[in-house]
Amino acid sequence: MKIHHLFAAAALFVPAAAFATGDGAALFKKNNCSACHAPASKSVGPSLADIAAKYKDNKDAQAKLEAKTRSGGAGSFGTMPMPPTAKSVSDGDIKTMVTWVLSQK
């Protein structure tokens, strides 16, 4: 029983971002992003691995991709436009999903 308390106490010290990245996959699926983006291969849009690799060393990647996810756009991976994300998806959820996408390999 004591080990359960240890895990509960440790959870208090884990940054919230660590939990947020775990939710990224669920939010990505819930918001139907997987209809156009596959983990490792191009589909309608680029793969998650390609997105993460392209922005790997870009310090502005998080903000840039959050804006692109919200507003949509084209030209980063070809001419196929990405539609804007529905207004019902919160900015916090977009941030979580982008963080998760950028963590893919």
PDB file of N, CA and C in Angstrom:
ATOM      1  N   MET A   1       0.818  -1.196   0.000  1.00  0.00           N
ATOM      2  CA  MET A   1       0.000   0.000   0.000  1.00  0.00           C
ATOM      3  C   MET A   1       0.861   1.259   0.000  1.00  0.00           C
ATOM      4  N   LYS A   2       2.016   1.207   0.636  1.00  0.00           N
ATOM      5  CA  LYS A   2       2.879   2.379   0.717  1.00  0.00           C
ATOM      6  C   LYS A   2       3.383   2.807  -0.651  1.00  0.00           C
ATOM      7  N   ILE A   3       3.584   1.862  -1.528  1.00  0.00           N
ATOM      8  CA  ILE A   3       4.075   2.201  -2.867  1.00  0.00           C
ATOM      9  C   ILE A   3       3.062   3.053  -3.625  1.00  0.00           C
ATOM     10  N   HIS A   4       1.781   2.839  -3.390  1.00  0.00           N
ATOM     11  CA  HIS A   4       0.744   3.655  -4.023  1.00  0.00           C
ATOM     12  C   HIS A   4       0.862   5.108  -3.578  1.00  0.00           C
ATOM     13  N   HIS A   5       1.186   5.308  -2.308  1.00  0.00           N
ATOM     14  CA  HIS A   5       1.353   6.671  -1.793  1.00  0.00           C
ATOM     15  C   HIS A   5       2.573   7.331  -2.420  1.00  0.00           C
ATOM     16  N   LEU A   6       3.609   6.548  -2.645  1.00  0.00           N
ATOM     17  CA  LEU A   6       4.815   7.074  -3.275  1.00  0.00           C
ATOM     18  C   LEU A   6       4.512   7.570  -4.685  1.00  0.00           C
ATOM     19  N   PHE A   7       3.769   6.777  -5.458  1.00  0.00           N
ATOM     20  CA  PHE A   7       3.401   7.196  -6.806  1.00  0.00           C
ATOM     21  C   PHE A   7       2.499   8.426  -6.777  1.00  0.00           C
ATOM     22  N   ALA A   8       1.585   8.467  -5.849  1.00  0.00           N
ATOM     23  CA  ALA A   8       0.685   9.621  -5.739  1.00  0.00           C
ATOM     24  C   ALA A   8       1.477  10.877  -5.391  1.00  0.00           C
ATOM     25  N   ALA A   9       2.425  10.748  -4.491  1.00  0.00           N
ATOM     26  CA  ALA A   9       3.260  11.895  -4.117  1.00  0.00           C
ATOM     27  C   ALA A   9       4.145  12.323  -5.279  1.00  0.00           C
ATOM     28  N   ALA A  10       4.696  11.373  -6.008  1.00  0.00           N
ATOM     29  CA  ALA A  10       5.555  11.700  -7.150  1.00  0.00           C
ATOM     30  C   ALA A  10       4.767  12.432  -8.225  1.00  0.00           C
ATOM     31  N   ALA A  11       3.508  12.088  -8.395  1.00  0.00           N
ATOM     32  CA  ALA A  11       2.680  12.733  -9.408  1.00  0.00           C
ATOM     33  C   ALA A  11       2.517  14.225  -9.142  1.00  0.00           C
ATOM     34  N   LEU A  12       2.621  14.614  -7.868  1.00  0.00           N
ATOM     35  CA  LEU A  12       2.509  16.027  -7.528  1.00  0.00           C
ATOM     36  C   LEU A  12       3.686  16.837  -8.063  1.00  0.00           C
ATOM     37  N   PHE A  13       4.818  16.170  -8.295  1.00  0.00           N
ATOM     38  CA  PHE A  13       6.027  16.870  -8.713  1.00  0.00           C
ATOM     39  C   PHE A  13       6.323  16.746 -10.201  1.00  0.00           C
ATOM     40  N   VAL A  14       5.509  16.008 -10.938  1.00  0.00           N
ATOM     41  CA  VAL A  14       5.688  15.867 -12.385  1.00  0.00           C
ATOM     42  C   VAL A  14       5.056  17.090 -13.050  1.00  0.00           C
ATOM     43  N   PRO A  15       5.782  17.771 -13.921  1.00  0.00           N
ATOM     44  CA  PRO A  15       5.210  18.958 -14.572  1.00  0.00           C
ATOM     45  C   PRO A  15       3.937  18.643 -15.334  1.00  0.00           C
ATOM     46  N   ALA A  16       3.036  19.605 -15.367  1.00  0.00           N
ATOM     47  CA  ALA A  16       1.761  19.424 -16.071  1.00  0.00           C
ATOM     48  C   ALA A  16       1.985  19.124 -17.545  1.00  0.00           C
ATOM     49  N   ALA A  17       3.044  19.660 -18.132  1.00  0.00           N
ATOM     50  CA  ALA A  17       3.322  19.418 -19.551  1.00  0.00           C
ATOM     51  C   ALA A  17       3.539  17.939 -19.827  1.00  0.00           C
ATOM     52  N   ALA A  18       4.053  17.207 -18.855  1.00  0.00           N
ATOM     53  CA  ALA A  18       4.266  15.772 -19.051  1.00  0.00           C
ATOM     54  C   ALA A  18       2.937  15.057 -19.231  1.00  0.00           C
ATOM     55  N   PHE A  19       1.927  15.488 -18.494  1.00  0.00           N
ATOM     56  CA  PHE A  19       0.611  14.892 -18.662  1.00  0.00           C
ATOM     57  C   PHE A  19      -0.034  15.374 -19.955  1.00  0.00           C
ATOM     58  N   ALA A  20       0.183  16.629 -20.302  1.00  0.00           N
ATOM     59  CA  ALA A  20      -0.425  17.205 -21.502  1.00  0.00           C
ATOM     60  C   ALA A  20       0.033  16.480 -22.755  1.00  0.00           C
ATOM     61  N   THR A  21       1.316  16.115 -22.844  1.00  0.00           N
ATOM     62  CA  THR A  21       1.788  15.433 -24.044  1.00  0.00           C
ATOM     63  C   THR A  21       1.141  14.067 -24.173  1.00  0.00           C
ATOM     64  N   GLY A  22       0.784  13.445 -23.052  1.00  0.00           N
ATOM     65  CA  GLY A  22       0.104  12.163 -23.094  1.00  0.00           C
ATOM     66  C   GLY A  22      -1.303  12.288 -23.656  1.00  0.00           C
ATOM     67  N   ASP A  23      -1.916  13.438 -23.474  1.00  0.00           N
ATOM     68  CA  ASP A  23      -3.259  13.676 -23.990  1.00  0.00           C
ATOM     69  C   ASP A  23      -3.246  14.021 -25.471  1.00  0.00           C
ATOM     70  N   GLY A  24      -2.094  14.382 -26.013  1.00  0.00           N
ATOM     71  CA  GLY A  24      -1.996  14.806 -27.408  1.00  0.00           C
ATOM     72  C   GLY A  24      -2.523  13.770 -28.376  1.00  0.00           C
ATOM     73  N   ALA A  25      -2.176  12.529 -28.174  1.00  0.00           N
ATOM     74  CA  ALA A  25      -2.628  11.461 -29.077  1.00  0.00           C
ATOM     75  C   ALA A  25      -4.144  11.318 -29.037  1.00  0.00           C
ATOM     76  N   ALA A  26      -4.714  11.378 -27.848  1.00  0.00           N
ATOM     77  CA  ALA A  26      -6.170  11.250 -27.721  1.00  0.00           C
ATOM     78  C   ALA A  26      -6.881  12.445 -28.363  1.00  0.00           C
ATOM     79  N   LEU A  27      -6.357  13.644 -28.152  1.00  0.00           N
ATOM     80  CA  LEU A  27      -6.962  14.835 -28.752  1.00  0.00           C
ATOM     81  C   LEU A  27      -6.827  14.814 -30.271  1.00  0.00           C
ATOM     82  N   PHE A  28      -5.668  14.358 -30.754  1.00  0.00           N
ATOM     83  CA  PHE A  28      -5.422  14.257 -32.188  1.00  0.00           C
ATOM     84  C   PHE A  28      -6.468  13.358 -32.835  1.00  0.00           C
ATOM     85  N   LYS A  29      -6.728  12.236 -32.193  1.00  0.00           N
ATOM     86  CA  LYS A  29      -7.722  11.290 -32.708  1.00  0.00           C
ATOM     87  C   LYS A  29      -9.135  11.847 -32.561  1.00  0.00           C
ATOM     88  N   LYS A  30      -9.442  12.403 -31.404  1.00  0.00           N
ATOM     89  CA  LYS A  30     -10.772  12.947 -31.125  1.00  0.00           C
ATOM     90  C   LYS A  30     -11.154  14.038 -32.127  1.00  0.00           C
ATOM     91  N   ASN A  31     -10.176  14.857 -32.501  1.00  0.00           N
ATOM     92  CA  ASN A  31     -10.451  15.979 -33.401  1.00  0.00           C
ATOM     93  C   ASN A  31     -10.268  15.621 -34.868  1.00  0.00           C
ATOM     94  N   ASN A  32     -10.146  14.325 -35.145  1.00  0.00           N
ATOM     95  CA  ASN A  32     -10.114  13.771 -36.501  1.00  0.00           C
ATOM     96  C   ASN A  32      -8.894  14.199 -37.317  1.00  0.00           C
ATOM     97  N   CYS A  33      -7.826  14.586 -36.651  1.00  0.00           N
ATOM     98  CA  CYS A  33      -6.592  14.967 -37.361  1.00  0.00           C
ATOM     99  C   CYS A  33      -5.990  13.756 -38.075  1.00  0.00           C
ATOM    100  N   SER A  34      -6.247  12.580 -37.535  1.00  0.00           N
ATOM    101  CA  SER A  34      -5.694  11.361 -38.128  1.00  0.00           C
ATOM    102  C   SER A  34      -6.361  11.024 -39.471  1.00  0.00           C
ATOM    103  N   ALA A  35      -7.409  11.732 -39.836  1.00  0.00           N
ATOM    104  CA  ALA A  35      -8.010  11.516 -41.150  1.00  0.00           C
ATOM    105  C   ALA A  35      -7.052  11.954 -42.253  1.00  0.00           C
ATOM    106  N   CYS A  36      -6.169  12.890 -41.944  1.00  0.00           N
ATOM    107  CA  CYS A  36      -5.223  13.413 -42.948  1.00  0.00           C
ATOM    108  C   CYS A  36      -3.754  13.182 -42.599  1.00  0.00           C
ATOM    109  N   HIS A  37      -3.465  12.894 -41.344  1.00  0.00           N
ATOM    110  CA  HIS A  37      -2.074  12.730 -40.904  1.00  0.00           C
ATOM    111  C   HIS A  37      -1.876  11.360 -40.270  1.00  0.00           C
ATOM    112  N   ALA A  38      -0.940  10.590 -40.816  1.00  0.00           N
ATOM    113  CA  ALA A  38      -0.585   9.274 -40.288  1.00  0.00           C
ATOM    114  C   ALA A  38       0.730   9.400 -39.508  1.00  0.00           C
ATOM    115  N   PRO A  39       1.005   8.464 -38.624  1.00  0.00           N
ATOM    116  CA  PRO A  39       2.224   8.550 -37.830  1.00  0.00           C
ATOM    117  C   PRO A  39       3.522   8.584 -38.644  1.00  0.00           C
ATOM    118  N   ALA A  40       3.666   7.678 -39.604  1.00  0.00           N
ATOM    119  CA  ALA A  40       4.968   7.555 -40.265  1.00  0.00           C
ATOM    120  C   ALA A  40       4.934   7.653 -41.781  1.00  0.00           C
ATOM    121  N   SER A  41       3.754   7.802 -42.368  1.00  0.00           N
ATOM    122  CA  SER A  41       3.701   7.865 -43.831  1.00  0.00           C
ATOM    123  C   SER A  41       2.772   9.002 -44.270  1.00  0.00           C
ATOM    124  N   LYS A  42       3.078   9.558 -45.426  1.00  0.00           N
ATOM    125  CA  LYS A  42       2.249  10.631 -45.980  1.00  0.00           C
ATOM    126  C   LYS A  42       0.866  10.069 -46.280  1.00  0.00           C
ATOM    127  N   SER A  43      -0.116  10.840 -45.986  1.00  0.00           N
ATOM    128  CA  SER A  43      -1.498  10.497 -46.296  1.00  0.00           C
ATOM    129  C   SER A  43      -2.021  11.670 -47.123  1.00  0.00           C
ATOM    130  N   VAL A  44      -3.115  12.260 -46.749  1.00  0.00           N
ATOM    131  CA  VAL A  44      -3.569  13.487 -47.396  1.00  0.00           C
ATOM    132  C   VAL A  44      -2.584  14.608 -47.047  1.00  0.00           C
ATOM    133  N   GLY A  45      -2.164  14.612 -45.787  1.00  0.00           N
ATOM    134  CA  GLY A  45      -1.182  15.578 -45.301  1.00  0.00           C
ATOM    135  C   GLY A  45       0.106  14.866 -44.937  1.00  0.00           C
ATOM    136  N   PRO A  46       1.094  15.623 -44.478  1.00  0.00           N
ATOM    137  CA  PRO A  46       2.375  15.013 -44.114  1.00  0.00           C
ATOM    138  C   PRO A  46       2.254  14.119 -42.886  1.00  0.00           C
ATOM    139  N   SER A  47       3.193  13.197 -42.762  1.00  0.00           N
ATOM    140  CA  SER A  47       3.205  12.323 -41.583  1.00  0.00           C
ATOM    141  C   SER A  47       3.628  13.119 -40.355  1.00  0.00           C
ATOM    142  N   LEU A  48       3.275  12.606 -39.201  1.00  0.00           N
ATOM    143  CA  LEU A  48       3.686  13.244 -37.950  1.00  0.00           C
ATOM    144  C   LEU A  48       5.203  13.245 -37.828  1.00  0.00           C
ATOM    145  N   ALA A  49       5.833  12.168 -38.270  1.00  0.00           N
ATOM    146  CA  ALA A  49       7.293  12.080 -38.224  1.00  0.00           C
ATOM    147  C   ALA A  49       7.926  13.148 -39.112  1.00  0.00           C
ATOM    148  N   ASP A  50       7.350  13.386 -40.294  1.00  0.00           N
ATOM    149  CA  ASP A  50       7.876  14.413 -41.197  1.00  0.00           C
ATOM    150  C   ASP A  50       7.716  15.816 -40.611  1.00  0.00           C
ATOM    151  N   ILE A  51       6.581  16.059 -39.974  1.00  0.00           N
ATOM    152  CA  ILE A  51       6.350  17.369 -39.353  1.00  0.00           C
ATOM    153  C   ILE A  51       7.364  17.593 -38.239  1.00  0.00           C
ATOM    154  N   ALA A  52       7.508  16.606 -37.364  1.00  0.00           N
ATOM    155  CA  ALA A  52       8.447  16.731 -36.247  1.00  0.00           C
ATOM    156  C   ALA A  52       9.873  16.925 -36.748  1.00  0.00           C
ATOM    157  N   ALA A  53      10.260  16.193 -37.785  1.00  0.00           N
ATOM    158  CA  ALA A  53      11.622  16.301 -38.322  1.00  0.00           C
ATOM    159  C   ALA A  53      11.856  17.678 -38.948  1.00  0.00           C
ATOM    160  N   LYS A  54      10.869  18.174 -39.678  1.00  0.00           N
ATOM    161  CA  LYS A  54      11.030  19.468 -40.346  1.00  0.00           C
ATOM    162  C   LYS A  54      11.224  20.601 -39.341  1.00  0.00           C
ATOM    163  N   TYR A  55      10.545  20.533 -38.218  1.00  0.00           N
ATOM    164  CA  TYR A  55      10.574  21.610 -37.237  1.00  0.00           C
ATOM    165  C   TYR A  55      11.475  21.315 -36.037  1.00  0.00           C
ATOM    166  N   LYS A  56      12.252  20.255 -36.118  1.00  0.00           N
ATOM    167  CA  LYS A  56      13.070  19.793 -34.994  1.00  0.00           C
ATOM    168  C   LYS A  56      13.916  20.892 -34.352  1.00  0.00           C
ATOM    169  N   ASP A  57      14.610  21.679 -35.137  1.00  0.00           N
ATOM    170  CA  ASP A  57      15.522  22.687 -34.600  1.00  0.00           C
ATOM    171  C   ASP A  57      14.965  24.108 -34.698  1.00  0.00           C
ATOM    172  N   ASN A  58      13.689  24.227 -34.939  1.00  0.00           N
ATOM    173  CA  ASN A  58      13.066  25.538 -35.094  1.00  0.00           C
ATOM    174  C   ASN A  58      12.501  25.982 -33.749  1.00  0.00           C
ATOM    175  N   LYS A  59      13.096  27.021 -33.167  1.00  0.00           N
ATOM    176  CA  LYS A  59      12.651  27.470 -31.840  1.00  0.00           C
ATOM    177  C   LYS A  59      11.243  28.072 -31.867  1.00  0.00           C
ATOM    178  N   ASP A  60      10.780  28.465 -33.041  1.00  0.00           N
ATOM    179  CA  ASP A  60       9.443  29.045 -33.179  1.00  0.00           C
ATOM    180  C   ASP A  60       8.398  28.015 -33.616  1.00  0.00           C
ATOM    181  N   ALA A  61       8.786  26.753 -33.673  1.00  0.00           N
ATOM    182  CA  ALA A  61       7.907  25.713 -34.209  1.00  0.00           C
ATOM    183  C   ALA A  61       6.583  25.615 -33.457  1.00  0.00           C
ATOM    184  N   GLN A  62       6.622  25.626 -32.149  1.00  0.00           N
ATOM    185  CA  GLN A  62       5.390  25.465 -31.365  1.00  0.00           C
ATOM    186  C   GLN A  62       4.374  26.542 -31.743  1.00  0.00           C
ATOM    187  N   ALA A  63       4.781  27.790 -31.665  1.00  0.00           N
ATOM    188  CA  ALA A  63       3.861  28.894 -31.958  1.00  0.00           C
ATOM    189  C   ALA A  63       3.415  28.877 -33.417  1.00  0.00           C
ATOM    190  N   LYS A  64       4.348  28.606 -34.317  1.00  0.00           N
ATOM    191  CA  LYS A  64       4.028  28.582 -35.747  1.00  0.00           C
ATOM    192  C   LYS A  64       2.995  27.499 -36.061  1.00  0.00           C
ATOM    193  N   LEU A  65       3.199  26.309 -35.504  1.00  0.00           N
ATOM    194  CA  LEU A  65       2.273  25.213 -35.792  1.00  0.00           C
ATOM    195  C   LEU A  65       0.933  25.373 -35.072  1.00  0.00           C
ATOM    196  N   GLU A  66       0.944  25.999 -33.906  1.00  0.00           N
ATOM    197  CA  GLU A  66      -0.332  26.288 -33.247  1.00  0.00           C
ATOM    198  C   GLU A  66      -1.161  27.226 -34.122  1.00  0.00           C
ATOM    199  N   ALA A  67      -0.519  28.267 -34.663  1.00  0.00           N
ATOM    200  CA  ALA A  67      -1.229  29.219 -35.528  1.00  0.00           C
ATOM    201  C   ALA A  67      -1.715  28.542 -36.797  1.00  0.00           C
ATOM    202  N   LYS A  68      -0.871  27.703 -37.387  1.00  0.00           N
ATOM    203  CA  LYS A  68      -1.249  27.013 -38.627  1.00  0.00           C
ATOM    204  C   LYS A  68      -2.382  26.015 -38.355  1.00  0.00           C
ATOM    205  N   THR A  69      -2.327  25.351 -37.220  1.00  0.00           N
ATOM    206  CA  THR A  69      -3.386  24.405 -36.872  1.00  0.00           C
ATOM    207  C   THR A  69      -4.703  25.146 -36.687  1.00  0.00           C
ATOM    208  N   ARG A  70      -4.665  26.280 -36.038  1.00  0.00           N
ATOM    209  CA  ARG A  70      -5.890  27.055 -35.805  1.00  0.00           C
ATOM    210  C   ARG A  70      -6.456  27.616 -37.115  1.00  0.00           C
ATOM    211  N   SER A  71      -5.589  28.237 -37.935  1.00  0.00           N
ATOM    212  CA  SER A  71      -6.059  28.977 -39.115  1.00  0.00           C
ATOM    213  C   SER A  71      -6.015  28.208 -40.425  1.00  0.00           C
ATOM    214  N   GLY A  72      -5.257  27.114 -40.463  1.00  0.00           N
ATOM    215  CA  GLY A  72      -5.085  26.379 -41.704  1.00  0.00           C
ATOM    216  C   GLY A  72      -4.019  27.039 -42.559  1.00  0.00           C
ATOM    217  N   GLY A  73      -3.805  26.492 -43.734  1.00  0.00           N
ATOM    218  CA  GLY A  73      -2.821  27.075 -44.636  1.00  0.00           C
ATOM    219  C   GLY A  73      -2.257  26.029 -45.574  1.00  0.00           C
ATOM    220  N   ALA A  74      -1.345  26.467 -46.433  1.00  0.00           N
ATOM    221  CA  ALA A  74      -0.711  25.572 -47.403  1.00  0.00           C
ATOM    222  C   ALA A  74       0.695  26.055 -47.677  1.00  0.00           C
ATOM    223  N   GLY A  75       1.466  25.205 -48.302  1.00  0.00           N
ATOM    224  CA  GLY A  75       2.791  25.592 -48.748  1.00  0.00           C
ATOM    225  C   GLY A  75       3.942  25.007 -47.971  1.00  0.00           C
ATOM    226  N   SER A  76       3.738  24.549 -46.768  1.00  0.00           N
ATOM    227  CA  SER A  76       4.835  23.999 -45.981  1.00  0.00           C
ATOM    228  C   SER A  76       5.240  22.606 -46.453  1.00  0.00           C
ATOM    229  N   PHE A  77       4.268  21.832 -46.905  1.00  0.00           N
ATOM    230  CA  PHE A  77       4.518  20.462 -47.347  1.00  0.00           C
ATOM    231  C   PHE A  77       3.898  20.194 -48.715  1.00  0.00           C
ATOM    232  N   GLY A  78       3.724  21.208 -49.501  1.00  0.00           N
ATOM    233  CA  GLY A  78       3.110  21.037 -50.809  1.00  0.00           C
ATOM    234  C   GLY A  78       1.929  21.976 -50.965  1.00  0.00           C
ATOM    235  N   THR A  79       1.127  21.700 -51.959  1.00  0.00           N
ATOM    236  CA  THR A  79       0.032  22.616 -52.275  1.00  0.00           C
ATOM    237  C   THR A  79      -1.295  22.258 -51.612  1.00  0.00           C
ATOM    238  N   MET A  80      -1.399  21.062 -51.069  1.00  0.00           N
ATOM    239  CA  MET A  80      -2.658  20.650 -50.427  1.00  0.00           C
ATOM    240  C   MET A  80      -2.893  21.512 -49.185  1.00  0.00           C
ATOM    241  N   PRO A  81      -3.973  22.293 -49.154  1.00  0.00           N
ATOM    242  CA  PRO A  81      -4.217  23.158 -47.992  1.00  0.00           C
ATOM    243  C   PRO A  81      -4.739  22.373 -46.793  1.00  0.00           C
ATOM    244  N   MET A  82      -4.322  22.811 -45.632  1.00  0.00           N
ATOM    245  CA  MET A  82      -4.871  22.264 -44.392  1.00  0.00           C
ATOM    246  C   MET A  82      -6.013  23.183 -43.985  1.00  0.00           C
ATOM    247  N   PRO A  83      -7.194  22.625 -43.740  1.00  0.00           N
ATOM    248  CA  PRO A  83      -8.315  23.480 -43.342  1.00  0.00           C
ATOM    249  C   PRO A  83      -8.114  24.006 -41.918  1.00  0.00           C
ATOM    250  N   PRO A  84      -8.770  25.105 -41.587  1.00  0.00           N
ATOM    251  CA  PRO A  84      -8.679  25.601 -40.209  1.00  0.00           C
ATOM    252  C   PRO A  84      -9.331  24.616 -39.244  1.00  0.00           C
ATOM    253  N   THR A  85      -8.868  24.650 -38.020  1.00  0.00           N
ATOM    254  CA  THR A  85      -9.441  23.801 -36.978  1.00  0.00           C
ATOM    255  C   THR A  85     -10.748  24.426 -36.495  1.00  0.00           C
ATOM    256  N   ALA A  86     -11.703  23.593 -36.194  1.00  0.00           N
ATOM    257  CA  ALA A  86     -13.001  24.065 -35.708  1.00  0.00           C
ATOM    258  C   ALA A  86     -12.842  24.944 -34.469  1.00  0.00           C
ATOM    259  N   LYS A  87     -13.663  25.961 -34.368  1.00  0.00           N
ATOM    260  CA  LYS A  87     -13.609  26.877 -33.225  1.00  0.00           C
ATOM    261  C   LYS A  87     -13.924  26.168 -31.915  1.00  0.00           C
ATOM    262  N   SER A  88     -14.576  25.014 -31.991  1.00  0.00           N
ATOM    263  CA  SER A  88     -14.903  24.256 -30.781  1.00  0.00           C
ATOM    264  C   SER A  88     -13.669  23.618 -30.140  1.00  0.00           C
ATOM    265  N   VAL A  89     -12.555  23.570 -30.872  1.00  0.00           N
ATOM    266  CA  VAL A  89     -11.305  23.028 -30.319  1.00  0.00           C
ATOM    267  C   VAL A  89     -10.584  24.178 -29.628  1.00  0.00           C
ATOM    268  N   SER A  90     -10.303  24.008 -28.350  1.00  0.00           N
ATOM    269  CA  SER A  90      -9.693  25.091 -27.569  1.00  0.00           C
ATOM    270  C   SER A  90      -8.238  25.323 -27.964  1.00  0.00           C
ATOM    271  N   ASP A  91      -7.756  26.521 -27.683  1.00  0.00           N
ATOM    272  CA  ASP A  91      -6.343  26.828 -27.914  1.00  0.00           C
ATOM    273  C   ASP A  91      -5.457  25.916 -27.075  1.00  0.00           C
ATOM    274  N   GLY A  92      -5.915  25.572 -25.877  1.00  0.00           N
ATOM    275  CA  GLY A  92      -5.159  24.659 -25.019  1.00  0.00           C
ATOM    276  C   GLY A  92      -5.032  23.275 -25.634  1.00  0.00           C
ATOM    277  N   ASP A  93      -6.115  22.799 -26.249  1.00  0.00           N
ATOM    278  CA  ASP A  93      -6.068  21.490 -26.908  1.00  0.00           C
ATOM    279  C   ASP A  93      -5.140  21.530 -28.117  1.00  0.00           C
ATOM    280  N   ILE A  94      -5.170  22.629 -28.860  1.00  0.00           N
ATOM    281  CA  ILE A  94      -4.256  22.761 -29.998  1.00  0.00           C
ATOM    282  C   ILE A  94      -2.813  22.756 -29.505  1.00  0.00           C
ATOM    283  N   LYS A  95      -2.536  23.465 -28.445  1.00  0.00           N
ATOM    284  CA  LYS A  95      -1.183  23.498 -27.876  1.00  0.00           C
ATOM    285  C   LYS A  95      -0.735  22.089 -27.487  1.00  0.00           C
ATOM    286  N   THR A  96      -1.614  21.346 -26.841  1.00  0.00           N
ATOM    287  CA  THR A  96      -1.298  19.980 -26.432  1.00  0.00           C
ATOM    288  C   THR A  96      -1.021  19.084 -27.637  1.00  0.00           C
ATOM    289  N   MET A  97      -1.856  19.196 -28.662  1.00  0.00           N
ATOM    290  CA  MET A  97      -1.662  18.373 -29.860  1.00  0.00           C
ATOM    291  C   MET A  97      -0.363  18.723 -30.576  1.00  0.00           C
ATOM    292  N   VAL A  98      -0.067  20.011 -30.714  1.00  0.00           N
ATOM    293  CA  VAL A  98       1.169  20.422 -31.391  1.00  0.00           C
ATOM    294  C   VAL A  98       2.388  19.947 -30.603  1.00  0.00           C
ATOM    295  N   THR A  99       2.349  20.071 -29.290  1.00  0.00           N
ATOM    296  CA  THR A  99       3.454  19.577 -28.457  1.00  0.00           C
ATOM    297  C   THR A  99       3.673  18.097 -28.705  1.00  0.00           C
ATOM    298  N   TRP A 100       2.586  17.349 -28.765  1.00  0.00           N
ATOM    299  CA  TRP A 100       2.666  15.906 -29.000  1.00  0.00           C
ATOM    300  C   TRP A 100       3.203  15.611 -30.404  1.00  0.00           C
ATOM    301  N   VAL A 101       2.695  16.309 -31.409  1.00  0.00           N
ATOM    302  CA  VAL A 101       3.165  16.082 -32.785  1.00  0.00           C
ATOM    303  C   VAL A 101       4.665  16.350 -32.874  1.00  0.00           C
ATOM    304  N   LEU A 102       5.123  17.437 -32.270  1.00  0.00           N
ATOM    305  CA  LEU A 102       6.547  17.767 -32.334  1.00  0.00           C
ATOM    306  C   LEU A 102       7.426  16.759 -31.584  1.00  0.00           C
ATOM    307  N   SER A 103       6.820  15.959 -30.719  1.00  0.00           N
ATOM    308  CA  SER A 103       7.592  14.941 -29.988  1.00  0.00           C
ATOM    309  C   SER A 103       7.704  13.624 -30.746  1.00  0.00           C
ATOM    310  N   GLN A 104       7.012  13.516 -31.880  1.00  0.00           N
ATOM    311  CA  GLN A 104       7.022  12.262 -32.658  1.00  0.00           C
ATOM    312  C   GLN A 104       8.347  12.094 -33.384  1.00  0.00           C
ATOM    313  N   LYS A 105       8.688  10.833 -33.640  1.00  0.00           N
ATOM    314  CA  LYS A 105       9.944  10.512 -34.358  1.00  0.00           C
ATOM    315  C   LYS A 105       9.651   9.590 -35.501  1.00  0.00           C
TER     316      LYS A 105
END
